[in-house]
Amino acid sequence: MGGIIAYSDDIKIRHLGVRKSTIQKHGAVSKQTAVAMAKGARKKFGADYAVSATGIAGPGGGTKEKPVGLIYIAVSGPKGDACRRLDLATGRNANRQRTVSEALSLLYECLTKDALASPRKFK
């Protein structure tokens, strides 16, 4: 359907519908923001499922509270939302690749769980 690269808080707010108060209270790198991003993408694109990731891939930008390698991935679907925290300790490219892999894995888990919860009957 589409995608949004939302590095800035402003893009998260304006294009994905993340509340400014969510970012102020929990930070751009948080479970709450990741879930809000996925929900916002799902709504914006009219999709059944949406995936989001927010984090600090490195090499800089980390703090003691939120170090490099802290990533949150989320999936929003018709039966609810799921979020996973990643604590990675590799370089920027490896962190980004691992994030994509983990996000697709979480999406697969949600799709499988949803399909098992409401199996379709075929004629």
PDB file of N, CA and C in Angstrom:
ATOM      1  N   MET A   1       0.822  -1.185   0.000  1.00  0.00           N
ATOM      2  CA  MET A   1       0.000   0.000   0.000  1.00  0.00           C
ATOM      3  C   MET A   1       0.868   1.251   0.000  1.00  0.00           C
ATOM      4  N   GLY A   2       1.854   1.265   0.915  1.00  0.00           N
ATOM      5  CA  GLY A   2       2.706   2.445   1.001  1.00  0.00           C
ATOM      6  C   GLY A   2       3.560   2.392   2.235  1.00  0.00           C
ATOM      7  N   GLY A   3       4.333   3.428   2.403  1.00  0.00           N
ATOM      8  CA  GLY A   3       5.212   3.500   3.559  1.00  0.00           C
ATOM      9  C   GLY A   3       5.611   4.930   3.836  1.00  0.00           C
ATOM     10  N   ILE A   4       6.035   5.160   5.063  1.00  0.00           N
ATOM     11  CA  ILE A   4       6.498   6.473   5.488  1.00  0.00           C
ATOM     12  C   ILE A   4       7.787   6.277   6.266  1.00  0.00           C
ATOM     13  N   ILE A   5       8.804   7.026   5.896  1.00  0.00           N
ATOM     14  CA  ILE A   5      10.031   7.056   6.679  1.00  0.00           C
ATOM     15  C   ILE A   5       9.908   8.262   7.594  1.00  0.00           C
ATOM     16  N   ALA A   6       9.805   7.995   8.879  1.00  0.00           N
ATOM     17  CA  ALA A   6       9.494   9.051   9.852  1.00  0.00           C
ATOM     18  C   ALA A   6      10.604   9.190  10.885  1.00  0.00           C
ATOM     19  N   TYR A   7      11.732   9.742  10.464  1.00  0.00           N
ATOM     20  CA  TYR A   7      12.812   9.967  11.418  1.00  0.00           C
ATOM     21  C   TYR A   7      12.462  11.071  12.408  1.00  0.00           C
ATOM     22  N   SER A   8      11.791  12.111  11.941  1.00  0.00           N
ATOM     23  CA  SER A   8      11.523  13.252  12.823  1.00  0.00           C
ATOM     24  C   SER A   8      10.205  13.065  13.578  1.00  0.00           C
ATOM     25  N   ASP A   9      10.157  13.665  14.758  1.00  0.00           N
ATOM     26  CA  ASP A   9       8.926  13.635  15.549  1.00  0.00           C
ATOM     27  C   ASP A   9       7.791  14.299  14.785  1.00  0.00           C
ATOM     28  N   ASP A  10       8.096  15.362  14.060  1.00  0.00           N
ATOM     29  CA  ASP A  10       7.080  16.087  13.315  1.00  0.00           C
ATOM     30  C   ASP A  10       6.390  15.181  12.287  1.00  0.00           C
ATOM     31  N   ILE A  11       7.152  14.350  11.594  1.00  0.00           N
ATOM     32  CA  ILE A  11       6.560  13.436  10.612  1.00  0.00           C
ATOM     33  C   ILE A  11       5.718  12.384  11.324  1.00  0.00           C
ATOM     34  N   LYS A  12       6.199  11.889  12.455  1.00  0.00           N
ATOM     35  CA  LYS A  12       5.426  10.917  13.228  1.00  0.00           C
ATOM     36  C   LYS A  12       4.071  11.513  13.624  1.00  0.00           C
ATOM     37  N   ILE A  13       4.088  12.776  14.000  1.00  0.00           N
ATOM     38  CA  ILE A  13       2.862  13.451  14.443  1.00  0.00           C
ATOM     39  C   ILE A  13       1.963  13.783  13.253  1.00  0.00           C
ATOM     40  N   ARG A  14       2.502  14.468  12.242  1.00  0.00           N
ATOM     41  CA  ARG A  14       1.682  14.955  11.129  1.00  0.00           C
ATOM     42  C   ARG A  14       1.198  13.859  10.186  1.00  0.00           C
ATOM     43  N   HIS A  15       2.035  12.858   9.929  1.00  0.00           N
ATOM     44  CA  HIS A  15       1.675  11.871   8.914  1.00  0.00           C
ATOM     45  C   HIS A  15       1.222  10.523   9.477  1.00  0.00           C
ATOM     46  N   LEU A  16       1.595  10.234  10.718  1.00  0.00           N
ATOM     47  CA  LEU A  16       1.190   8.952  11.294  1.00  0.00           C
ATOM     48  C   LEU A  16       0.206   9.112  12.456  1.00  0.00           C
ATOM     49  N   GLY A  17      -0.083  10.336  12.810  1.00  0.00           N
ATOM     50  CA  GLY A  17      -1.076  10.567  13.852  1.00  0.00           C
ATOM     51  C   GLY A  17      -0.620  10.274  15.265  1.00  0.00           C
ATOM     52  N   VAL A  18       0.689  10.176  15.481  1.00  0.00           N
ATOM     53  CA  VAL A  18       1.192   9.981  16.846  1.00  0.00           C
ATOM     54  C   VAL A  18       0.920  11.271  17.619  1.00  0.00           C
ATOM     55  N   ARG A  19       0.391  11.146  18.788  1.00  0.00           N
ATOM     56  CA  ARG A  19       0.107  12.338  19.598  1.00  0.00           C
ATOM     57  C   ARG A  19       1.418  12.931  20.116  1.00  0.00           C
ATOM     58  N   LYS A  20       1.462  14.242  20.072  1.00  0.00           N
ATOM     59  CA  LYS A  20       2.639  14.946  20.595  1.00  0.00           C
ATOM     60  C   LYS A  20       2.857  14.580  22.064  1.00  0.00           C
ATOM     61  N   SER A  21       1.762  14.439  22.805  1.00  0.00           N
ATOM     62  CA  SER A  21       1.859  14.093  24.226  1.00  0.00           C
ATOM     63  C   SER A  21       2.471  12.704  24.437  1.00  0.00           C
ATOM     64  N   THR A  22       2.260  11.782  23.481  1.00  0.00           N
ATOM     65  CA  THR A  22       2.865  10.443  23.577  1.00  0.00           C
ATOM     66  C   THR A  22       4.377  10.563  23.485  1.00  0.00           C
ATOM     67  N   ILE A  23       4.843  11.339  22.528  1.00  0.00           N
ATOM     68  CA  ILE A  23       6.289  11.520  22.358  1.00  0.00           C
ATOM     69  C   ILE A  23       6.875  12.278  23.538  1.00  0.00           C
ATOM     70  N   GLN A  24       6.172  13.301  24.024  1.00  0.00           N
ATOM     71  CA  GLN A  24       6.670  14.061  25.173  1.00  0.00           C
ATOM     72  C   GLN A  24       6.752  13.198  26.427  1.00  0.00           C
ATOM     73  N   LYS A  25       5.760  12.345  26.639  1.00  0.00           N
ATOM     74  CA  LYS A  25       5.718  11.526  27.859  1.00  0.00           C
ATOM     75  C   LYS A  25       6.644  10.315  27.791  1.00  0.00           C
ATOM     76  N   HIS A  26       6.664   9.621  26.639  1.00  0.00           N
ATOM     77  CA  HIS A  26       7.383   8.351  26.536  1.00  0.00           C
ATOM     78  C   HIS A  26       8.628   8.418  25.664  1.00  0.00           C
ATOM     79  N   GLY A  27       8.705   9.422  24.815  1.00  0.00           N
ATOM     80  CA  GLY A  27       9.831   9.556  23.894  1.00  0.00           C
ATOM     81  C   GLY A  27       9.509   8.966  22.536  1.00  0.00           C
ATOM     82  N   ALA A  28      10.272   9.402  21.542  1.00  0.00           N
ATOM     83  CA  ALA A  28      10.085   8.891  20.178  1.00  0.00           C
ATOM     84  C   ALA A  28      10.467   7.421  20.096  1.00  0.00           C
ATOM     85  N   VAL A  29      11.391   7.009  20.929  1.00  0.00           N
ATOM     86  CA  VAL A  29      11.817   5.610  20.978  1.00  0.00           C
ATOM     87  C   VAL A  29      11.142   4.974  22.196  1.00  0.00           C
ATOM     88  N   SER A  30       9.955   4.410  21.960  1.00  0.00           N
ATOM     89  CA  SER A  30       9.183   3.802  23.047  1.00  0.00           C
ATOM     90  C   SER A  30       8.156   2.851  22.460  1.00  0.00           C
ATOM     91  N   LYS A  31       7.678   1.968  23.308  1.00  0.00           N
ATOM     92  CA  LYS A  31       6.612   1.048  22.910  1.00  0.00           C
ATOM     93  C   LYS A  31       5.384   1.827  22.464  1.00  0.00           C
ATOM     94  N   GLN A  32       5.035   2.846  23.229  1.00  0.00           N
ATOM     95  CA  GLN A  32       3.833   3.616  22.944  1.00  0.00           C
ATOM     96  C   GLN A  32       3.907   4.288  21.572  1.00  0.00           C
ATOM     97  N   THR A  33       5.071   4.844  21.247  1.00  0.00           N
ATOM     98  CA  THR A  33       5.226   5.507  19.957  1.00  0.00           C
ATOM     99  C   THR A  33       5.222   4.495  18.824  1.00  0.00           C
ATOM    100  N   ALA A  34       5.878   3.358  19.011  1.00  0.00           N
ATOM    101  CA  ALA A  34       5.902   2.329  17.968  1.00  0.00           C
ATOM    102  C   ALA A  34       4.488   1.846  17.646  1.00  0.00           C
ATOM    103  N   VAL A  35       3.690   1.598  18.675  1.00  0.00           N
ATOM    104  CA  VAL A  35       2.314   1.137  18.463  1.00  0.00           C
ATOM    105  C   VAL A  35       1.486   2.233  17.786  1.00  0.00           C
ATOM    106  N   ALA A  36       1.646   3.469  18.227  1.00  0.00           N
ATOM    107  CA  ALA A  36       0.904   4.576  17.613  1.00  0.00           C
ATOM    108  C   ALA A  36       1.293   4.749  16.145  1.00  0.00           C
ATOM    109  N   MET A  37       2.567   4.550  15.824  1.00  0.00           N
ATOM    110  CA  MET A  37       3.017   4.640  14.428  1.00  0.00           C
ATOM    111  C   MET A  37       2.369   3.555  13.574  1.00  0.00           C
ATOM    112  N   ALA A  38       2.341   2.333  14.084  1.00  0.00           N
ATOM    113  CA  ALA A  38       1.736   1.230  13.321  1.00  0.00           C
ATOM    114  C   ALA A  38       0.236   1.462  13.133  1.00  0.00           C
ATOM    115  N   LYS A  39      -0.442   1.903  14.189  1.00  0.00           N
ATOM    116  CA  LYS A  39      -1.873   2.203  14.077  1.00  0.00           C
ATOM    117  C   LYS A  39      -2.106   3.316  13.059  1.00  0.00           C
ATOM    118  N   GLY A  40      -1.266   4.336  13.120  1.00  0.00           N
ATOM    119  CA  GLY A  40      -1.406   5.460  12.202  1.00  0.00           C
ATOM    120  C   GLY A  40      -1.177   5.062  10.754  1.00  0.00           C
ATOM    121  N   ALA A  41      -0.184   4.219  10.514  1.00  0.00           N
ATOM    122  CA  ALA A  41       0.085   3.752   9.147  1.00  0.00           C
ATOM    123  C   ALA A  41      -1.068   2.900   8.642  1.00  0.00           C
ATOM    124  N   ARG A  42      -1.586   2.060   9.495  1.00  0.00           N
ATOM    125  CA  ARG A  42      -2.726   1.212   9.108  1.00  0.00           C
ATOM    126  C   ARG A  42      -3.916   2.069   8.693  1.00  0.00           C
ATOM    127  N   LYS A  43      -4.182   3.092   9.467  1.00  0.00           N
ATOM    128  CA  LYS A  43      -5.297   3.985   9.172  1.00  0.00           C
ATOM    129  C   LYS A  43      -5.028   4.794   7.906  1.00  0.00           C
ATOM    130  N   LYS A  44      -3.842   5.362   7.800  1.00  0.00           N
ATOM    131  CA  LYS A  44      -3.505   6.226   6.662  1.00  0.00           C
ATOM    132  C   LYS A  44      -3.614   5.485   5.338  1.00  0.00           C
ATOM    133  N   PHE A  45      -3.162   4.233   5.311  1.00  0.00           N
ATOM    134  CA  PHE A  45      -3.139   3.481   4.066  1.00  0.00           C
ATOM    135  C   PHE A  45      -4.354   2.569   3.880  1.00  0.00           C
ATOM    136  N   GLY A  46      -5.223   2.519   4.872  1.00  0.00           N
ATOM    137  CA  GLY A  46      -6.392   1.647   4.763  1.00  0.00           C
ATOM    138  C   GLY A  46      -5.995   0.188   4.662  1.00  0.00           C
ATOM    139  N   ALA A  47      -4.936  -0.176   5.367  1.00  0.00           N
ATOM    140  CA  ALA A  47      -4.385  -1.532   5.297  1.00  0.00           C
ATOM    141  C   ALA A  47      -4.939  -2.402   6.406  1.00  0.00           C
ATOM    142  N   ASP A  48      -4.934  -3.700   6.174  1.00  0.00           N
ATOM    143  CA  ASP A  48      -5.329  -4.640   7.221  1.00  0.00           C
ATOM    144  C   ASP A  48      -4.268  -4.706   8.321  1.00  0.00           C
ATOM    145  N   TYR A  49      -3.008  -4.634   7.919  1.00  0.00           N
ATOM    146  CA  TYR A  49      -1.888  -4.709   8.854  1.00  0.00           C
ATOM    147  C   TYR A  49      -0.883  -3.610   8.526  1.00  0.00           C
ATOM    148  N   ALA A  50      -0.196  -3.139   9.551  1.00  0.00           N
ATOM    149  CA  ALA A  50       0.894  -2.185   9.356  1.00  0.00           C
ATOM    150  C   ALA A  50       1.996  -2.511  10.349  1.00  0.00           C
ATOM    151  N   VAL A  51       3.219  -2.207   9.950  1.00  0.00           N
ATOM    152  CA  VAL A  51       4.405  -2.476  10.756  1.00  0.00           C
ATOM    153  C   VAL A  51       5.141  -1.162  10.979  1.00  0.00           C
ATOM    154  N   SER A  52       5.700  -0.987  12.169  1.00  0.00           N
ATOM    155  CA  SER A  52       6.510   0.201  12.429  1.00  0.00           C
ATOM    156  C   SER A  52       7.768  -0.180  13.192  1.00  0.00           C
ATOM    157  N   ALA A  53       8.735   0.708  13.118  1.00  0.00           N
ATOM    158  CA  ALA A  53       9.968   0.561  13.891  1.00  0.00           C
ATOM    159  C   ALA A  53      10.432   1.946  14.294  1.00  0.00           C
ATOM    160  N   THR A  54      10.887   2.057  15.515  1.00  0.00           N
ATOM    161  CA  THR A  54      11.466   3.305  15.996  1.00  0.00           C
ATOM    162  C   THR A  54      12.605   2.939  16.942  1.00  0.00           C
ATOM    163  N   GLY A  55      13.722   3.613  16.783  1.00  0.00           N
ATOM    164  CA  GLY A  55      14.842   3.257  17.631  1.00  0.00           C
ATOM    165  C   GLY A  55      16.075   4.074  17.347  1.00  0.00           C
ATOM    166  N   ILE A  56      17.171   3.604  17.912  1.00  0.00           N
ATOM    167  CA  ILE A  56      18.466   4.259  17.774  1.00  0.00           C
ATOM    168  C   ILE A  56      19.416   3.250  17.153  1.00  0.00           C
ATOM    169  N   ALA A  57      19.559   3.332  15.841  1.00  0.00           N
ATOM    170  CA  ALA A  57      20.374   2.357  15.114  1.00  0.00           C
ATOM    171  C   ALA A  57      21.866   2.590  15.304  1.00  0.00           C
ATOM    172  N   GLY A  58      22.261   3.824  15.606  1.00  0.00           N
ATOM    173  CA  GLY A  58      23.673   4.133  15.800  1.00  0.00           C
ATOM    174  C   GLY A  58      24.256   4.800  14.577  1.00  0.00           C
ATOM    175  N   PRO A  59      25.512   5.116  14.586  1.00  0.00           N
ATOM    176  CA  PRO A  59      26.437   4.835  15.677  1.00  0.00           C
ATOM    177  C   PRO A  59      26.283   5.781  16.859  1.00  0.00           C
ATOM    178  N   GLY A  60      25.698   6.959  16.651  1.00  0.00           N
ATOM    179  CA  GLY A  60      25.501   7.912  17.744  1.00  0.00           C
ATOM    180  C   GLY A  60      24.037   8.032  18.082  1.00  0.00           C
ATOM    181  N   GLY A  61      23.741   8.988  18.970  1.00  0.00           N
ATOM    182  CA  GLY A  61      22.360   9.287  19.305  1.00  0.00           C
ATOM    183  C   GLY A  61      21.845   8.614  20.555  1.00  0.00           C
ATOM    184  N   GLY A  62      22.586   7.683  21.090  1.00  0.00           N
ATOM    185  CA  GLY A  62      22.113   6.976  22.278  1.00  0.00           C
ATOM    186  C   GLY A  62      22.371   7.751  23.558  1.00  0.00           C
ATOM    187  N   THR A  63      21.639   7.380  24.591  1.00  0.00           N
ATOM    188  CA  THR A  63      21.833   7.934  25.932  1.00  0.00           C
ATOM    189  C   THR A  63      21.930   6.759  26.907  1.00  0.00           C
ATOM    190  N   LYS A  64      22.189   7.057  28.154  1.00  0.00           N
ATOM    191  CA  LYS A  64      22.247   6.001  29.164  1.00  0.00           C
ATOM    192  C   LYS A  64      20.891   5.290  29.281  1.00  0.00           C
ATOM    193  N   GLU A  65      19.808   6.067  29.237  1.00  0.00           N
ATOM    194  CA  GLU A  65      18.464   5.504  29.356  1.00  0.00           C
ATOM    195  C   GLU A  65      18.022   4.802  28.076  1.00  0.00           C
ATOM    196  N   LYS A  66      18.447   5.337  26.931  1.00  0.00           N
ATOM    197  CA  LYS A  66      18.070   4.772  25.635  1.00  0.00           C
ATOM    198  C   LYS A  66      19.330   4.646  24.781  1.00  0.00           C
ATOM    199  N   PRO A  67      20.046   3.536  24.950  1.00  0.00           N
ATOM    200  CA  PRO A  67      21.331   3.365  24.253  1.00  0.00           C
ATOM    201  C   PRO A  67      21.182   2.991  22.783  1.00  0.00           C
ATOM    202  N   VAL A  68      22.264   3.155  22.057  1.00  0.00           N
ATOM    203  CA  VAL A  68      22.309   2.695  20.679  1.00  0.00           C
ATOM    204  C   VAL A  68      21.927   1.214  20.662  1.00  0.00           C
ATOM    205  N   GLY A  69      21.091   0.851  19.728  1.00  0.00           N
ATOM    206  CA  GLY A  69      20.631  -0.536  19.618  1.00  0.00           C
ATOM    207  C   GLY A  69      19.266  -0.774  20.222  1.00  0.00           C
ATOM    208  N   LEU A  70      18.713   0.228  20.916  1.00  0.00           N
ATOM    209  CA  LEU A  70      17.359   0.094  21.458  1.00  0.00           C
ATOM    210  C   LEU A  70      16.371   0.375  20.327  1.00  0.00           C
ATOM    211  N   ILE A  71      15.557  -0.616  20.017  1.00  0.00           N
ATOM    212  CA  ILE A  71      14.592  -0.515  18.921  1.00  0.00           C
ATOM    213  C   ILE A  71      13.261  -1.093  19.411  1.00  0.00           C
ATOM    214  N   TYR A  72      12.177  -0.455  19.009  1.00  0.00           N
ATOM    215  CA  TYR A  72      10.844  -1.004  19.231  1.00  0.00           C
ATOM    216  C   TYR A  72      10.209  -1.242  17.874  1.00  0.00           C
ATOM    217  N   ILE A  73       9.660  -2.441  17.682  1.00  0.00           N
ATOM    218  CA  ILE A  73       8.917  -2.765  16.466  1.00  0.00           C
ATOM    219  C   ILE A  73       7.485  -3.057  16.877  1.00  0.00           C
ATOM    220  N   ALA A  74       6.550  -2.700  16.020  1.00  0.00           N
ATOM    221  CA  ALA A  74       5.143  -2.931  16.336  1.00  0.00           C
ATOM    222  C   ALA A  74       4.386  -3.356  15.084  1.00  0.00           C
ATOM    223  N   VAL A  75       3.324  -4.112  15.319  1.00  0.00           N
ATOM    224  CA  VAL A  75       2.393  -4.512  14.268  1.00  0.00           C
ATOM    225  C   VAL A  75       1.003  -4.150  14.755  1.00  0.00           C
ATOM    226  N   SER A  76       0.220  -3.534  13.873  1.00  0.00           N
ATOM    227  CA  SER A  76      -1.174  -3.251  14.163  1.00  0.00           C
ATOM    228  C   SER A  76      -2.018  -4.015  13.155  1.00  0.00           C
ATOM    229  N   GLY A  77      -3.013  -4.722  13.650  1.00  0.00           N
ATOM    230  CA  GLY A  77      -3.879  -5.512  12.786  1.00  0.00           C
ATOM    231  C   GLY A  77      -5.315  -5.447  13.257  1.00  0.00           C
ATOM    232  N   PRO A  78      -6.197  -6.108  12.544  1.00  0.00           N
ATOM    233  CA  PRO A  78      -7.617  -6.044  12.885  1.00  0.00           C
ATOM    234  C   PRO A  78      -7.957  -6.650  14.242  1.00  0.00           C
ATOM    235  N   LYS A  79      -7.105  -7.505  14.758  1.00  0.00           N
ATOM    236  CA  LYS A  79      -7.387  -8.150  16.050  1.00  0.00           C
ATOM    237  C   LYS A  79      -6.550  -7.572  17.185  1.00  0.00           C
ATOM    238  N   GLY A  80      -5.824  -6.472  16.913  1.00  0.00           N
ATOM    239  CA  GLY A  80      -5.055  -5.840  17.972  1.00  0.00           C
ATOM    240  C   GLY A  80      -3.652  -5.487  17.533  1.00  0.00           C
ATOM    241  N   ASP A  81      -2.852  -5.143  18.525  1.00  0.00           N
ATOM    242  CA  ASP A  81      -1.493  -4.664  18.286  1.00  0.00           C
ATOM    243  C   ASP A  81      -0.491  -5.512  19.063  1.00  0.00           C
ATOM    244  N   ALA A  82       0.714  -5.586  18.516  1.00  0.00           N
ATOM    245  CA  ALA A  82       1.803  -6.295  19.185  1.00  0.00           C
ATOM    246  C   ALA A  82       3.048  -5.432  19.092  1.00  0.00           C
ATOM    247  N   CYS A  83       3.871  -5.503  20.114  1.00  0.00           N
ATOM    248  CA  CYS A  83       5.099  -4.712  20.124  1.00  0.00           C
ATOM    249  C   CYS A  83       6.211  -5.539  20.747  1.00  0.00           C
ATOM    250  N   ARG A  84       7.401  -5.352  20.233  1.00  0.00           N
ATOM    251  CA  ARG A  84       8.570  -6.070  20.752  1.00  0.00           C
ATOM    252  C   ARG A  84       9.726  -5.098  20.904  1.00  0.00           C
ATOM    253  N   ARG A  85      10.443  -5.235  22.001  1.00  0.00           N
ATOM    254  CA  ARG A  85      11.642  -4.426  22.257  1.00  0.00           C
ATOM    255  C   ARG A  85      12.862  -5.229  21.826  1.00  0.00           C
ATOM    256  N   LEU A  86      13.757  -4.570  21.112  1.00  0.00           N
ATOM    257  CA  LEU A  86      15.024  -5.178  20.710  1.00  0.00           C
ATOM    258  C   LEU A  86      16.154  -4.421  21.382  1.00  0.00           C
ATOM    259  N   ASP A  87      17.103  -5.145  21.903  1.00  0.00           N
ATOM    260  CA  ASP A  87      18.317  -4.562  22.464  1.00  0.00           C
ATOM    261  C   ASP A  87      19.476  -5.130  21.665  1.00  0.00           C
ATOM    262  N   LEU A  88      19.890  -4.406  20.648  1.00  0.00           N
ATOM    263  CA  LEU A  88      20.921  -4.880  19.731  1.00  0.00           C
ATOM    264  C   LEU A  88      22.256  -4.233  20.084  1.00  0.00           C
ATOM    265  N   ALA A  89      23.314  -4.929  19.796  1.00  0.00           N
ATOM    266  CA  ALA A  89      24.638  -4.418  20.173  1.00  0.00           C
ATOM    267  C   ALA A  89      25.608  -4.456  19.000  1.00  0.00           C
ATOM    268  N   THR A  90      25.071  -4.352  17.805  1.00  0.00           N
ATOM    269  CA  THR A  90      25.932  -4.399  16.637  1.00  0.00           C
ATOM    270  C   THR A  90      26.002  -3.012  16.005  1.00  0.00           C
ATOM    271  N   GLY A  91      26.575  -2.913  14.840  1.00  0.00           N
ATOM    272  CA  GLY A  91      26.691  -1.635  14.151  1.00  0.00           C
ATOM    273  C   GLY A  91      25.399  -1.217  13.478  1.00  0.00           C
ATOM    274  N   ARG A  92      25.373  -0.007  12.956  1.00  0.00           N
ATOM    275  CA  ARG A  92      24.169   0.571  12.363  1.00  0.00           C
ATOM    276  C   ARG A  92      23.545  -0.325  11.295  1.00  0.00           C
ATOM    277  N   ASN A  93      24.331  -0.768  10.322  1.00  0.00           N
ATOM    278  CA  ASN A  93      23.763  -1.586   9.245  1.00  0.00           C
ATOM    279  C   ASN A  93      23.203  -2.891   9.773  1.00  0.00           C
ATOM    280  N   ALA A  94      23.931  -3.542  10.662  1.00  0.00           N
ATOM    281  CA  ALA A  94      23.436  -4.798  11.240  1.00  0.00           C
ATOM    282  C   ALA A  94      22.185  -4.554  12.083  1.00  0.00           C
ATOM    283  N   ASN A  95      22.139  -3.440  12.814  1.00  0.00           N
ATOM    284  CA  ASN A  95      20.953  -3.108  13.610  1.00  0.00           C
ATOM    285  C   ASN A  95      19.741  -2.902  12.705  1.00  0.00           C
ATOM    286  N   ARG A  96      19.939  -2.227  11.600  1.00  0.00           N
ATOM    287  CA  ARG A  96      18.838  -1.986  10.670  1.00  0.00           C
ATOM    288  C   ARG A  96      18.364  -3.298  10.033  1.00  0.00           C
ATOM    289  N   GLN A  97      19.292  -4.138   9.627  1.00  0.00           N
ATOM    290  CA  GLN A  97      18.921  -5.424   9.019  1.00  0.00           C
ATOM    291  C   GLN A  97      18.188  -6.312  10.012  1.00  0.00           C
ATOM    292  N   ARG A  98      18.677  -6.350  11.227  1.00  0.00           N
ATOM    293  CA  ARG A  98      18.037  -7.175  12.262  1.00  0.00           C
ATOM    294  C   ARG A  98      16.643  -6.647  12.594  1.00  0.00           C
ATOM    295  N   THR A  99      16.497  -5.334  12.588  1.00  0.00           N
ATOM    296  CA  THR A  99      15.189  -4.730  12.850  1.00  0.00           C
ATOM    297  C   THR A  99      14.174  -5.162  11.796  1.00  0.00           C
ATOM    298  N   VAL A 100      14.561  -5.111  10.543  1.00  0.00           N
ATOM    299  CA  VAL A 100      13.665  -5.531   9.461  1.00  0.00           C
ATOM    300  C   VAL A 100      13.295  -7.003   9.625  1.00  0.00           C
ATOM    301  N   SER A 101      14.285  -7.830   9.900  1.00  0.00           N
ATOM    302  CA  SER A 101      14.039  -9.259  10.067  1.00  0.00           C
ATOM    303  C   SER A 101      13.083  -9.523  11.231  1.00  0.00           C
ATOM    304  N   GLU A 102      13.320  -8.862  12.346  1.00  0.00           N
ATOM    305  CA  GLU A 102      12.460  -9.054  13.526  1.00  0.00           C
ATOM    306  C   GLU A 102      11.051  -8.509  13.285  1.00  0.00           C
ATOM    307  N   ALA A 103      10.938  -7.398  12.555  1.00  0.00           N
ATOM    308  CA  ALA A 103       9.629  -6.826  12.259  1.00  0.00           C
ATOM    309  C   ALA A 103       8.823  -7.767  11.369  1.00  0.00           C
ATOM    310  N   LEU A 104       9.470  -8.339  10.367  1.00  0.00           N
ATOM    311  CA  LEU A 104       8.772  -9.290   9.495  1.00  0.00           C
ATOM    312  C   LEU A 104       8.392 -10.556  10.266  1.00  0.00           C
ATOM    313  N   SER A 105       9.247 -10.972  11.178  1.00  0.00           N
ATOM    314  CA  SER A 105       8.941 -12.135  12.014  1.00  0.00           C
ATOM    315  C   SER A 105       7.723 -11.855  12.908  1.00  0.00           C
ATOM    316  N   LEU A 106       7.670 -10.665  13.486  1.00  0.00           N
ATOM    317  CA  LEU A 106       6.525 -10.308  14.326  1.00  0.00           C
ATOM    318  C   LEU A 106       5.251 -10.230  13.485  1.00  0.00           C
ATOM    319  N   LEU A 107       5.343  -9.678  12.290  1.00  0.00           N
ATOM    320  CA  LEU A 107       4.188  -9.638  11.395  1.00  0.00           C
ATOM    321  C   LEU A 107       3.708 -11.051  11.078  1.00  0.00           C
ATOM    322  N   TYR A 108       4.641 -11.942  10.762  1.00  0.00           N
ATOM    323  CA  TYR A 108       4.287 -13.332  10.462  1.00  0.00           C
ATOM    324  C   TYR A 108       3.580 -13.976  11.666  1.00  0.00           C
ATOM    325  N   GLU A 109       4.112 -13.753  12.861  1.00  0.00           N
ATOM    326  CA  GLU A 109       3.483 -14.307  14.070  1.00  0.00           C
ATOM    327  C   GLU A 109       2.049 -13.794  14.219  1.00  0.00           C
ATOM    328  N   CYS A 110       1.846 -12.511  13.975  1.00  0.00           N
ATOM    329  CA  CYS A 110       0.503 -11.935  14.103  1.00  0.00           C
ATOM    330  C   CYS A 110      -0.441 -12.484  13.039  1.00  0.00           C
ATOM    331  N   LEU A 111       0.047 -12.583  11.819  1.00  0.00           N
ATOM    332  CA  LEU A 111      -0.782 -13.127  10.741  1.00  0.00           C
ATOM    333  C   LEU A 111      -1.169 -14.570  11.031  1.00  0.00           C
ATOM    334  N   THR A 112      -0.224 -15.354  11.489  1.00  0.00           N
ATOM    335  CA  THR A 112      -0.478 -16.766  11.791  1.00  0.00           C
ATOM    336  C   THR A 112      -1.459 -16.896  12.943  1.00  0.00           C
ATOM    337  N   LYS A 113      -1.246 -16.132  13.988  1.00  0.00           N
ATOM    338  CA  LYS A 113      -2.131 -16.170  15.156  1.00  0.00           C
ATOM    339  C   LYS A 113      -3.545 -15.763  14.763  1.00  0.00           C
ATOM    340  N   ASP A 114      -3.672 -14.690  13.978  1.00  0.00           N
ATOM    341  CA  ASP A 114      -4.989 -14.228  13.557  1.00  0.00           C
ATOM    342  C   ASP A 114      -5.675 -15.255  12.662  1.00  0.00           C
ATOM    343  N   ALA A 115      -4.918 -15.893  11.772  1.00  0.00           N
ATOM    344  CA  ALA A 115      -5.493 -16.905  10.879  1.00  0.00           C
ATOM    345  C   ALA A 115      -5.972 -18.112  11.667  1.00  0.00           C
ATOM    346  N   LEU A 116      -5.234 -18.513  12.690  1.00  0.00           N
ATOM    347  CA  LEU A 116      -5.640 -19.654  13.514  1.00  0.00           C
ATOM    348  C   LEU A 116      -6.836 -19.324  14.388  1.00  0.00           C
ATOM    349  N   ALA A 117      -6.938 -18.060  14.794  1.00  0.00           N
ATOM    350  CA  ALA A 117      -8.039 -17.650  15.655  1.00  0.00           C
ATOM    351  C   ALA A 117      -9.366 -17.608  14.905  1.00  0.00           C
ATOM    352  N   SER A 118      -9.294 -17.364  13.613  1.00  0.00           N
ATOM    353  CA  SER A 118     -10.546 -17.321  12.831  1.00  0.00           C
ATOM    354  C   SER A 118     -10.309 -17.999  11.478  1.00  0.00           C
ATOM    355  N   PRO A 119     -10.224 -19.324  11.500  1.00  0.00           N
ATOM    356  CA  PRO A 119      -9.982 -20.043  10.245  1.00  0.00           C
ATOM    357  C   PRO A 119     -11.117 -19.848   9.263  1.00  0.00           C
ATOM    358  N   ARG A 120     -10.750 -19.784   7.995  1.00  0.00           N
ATOM    359  CA  ARG A 120     -11.742 -19.638   6.952  1.00  0.00           C
ATOM    360  C   ARG A 120     -12.123 -21.010   6.410  1.00  0.00           C
ATOM    361  N   LYS A 121     -13.390 -21.149   6.112  1.00  0.00           N
ATOM    362  CA  LYS A 121     -13.871 -22.408   5.533  1.00  0.00           C
ATOM    363  C   LYS A 121     -13.888 -22.274   4.021  1.00  0.00           C
ATOM    364  N   PHE A 122     -13.328 -23.246   3.353  1.00  0.00           N
ATOM    365  CA  PHE A 122     -13.304 -23.237   1.908  1.00  0.00           C
ATOM    366  C   PHE A 122     -14.298 -24.267   1.376  1.00  0.00           C
ATOM    367  N   LYS A 123     -14.943 -23.935   0.296  1.00  0.00           N
ATOM    368  CA  LYS A 123     -15.916 -24.857  -0.317  1.00  0.00           C
ATOM    369  C   LYS A 123     -15.254 -25.599  -1.443  1.00  0.00           C
TER     370      LYS A 123
END
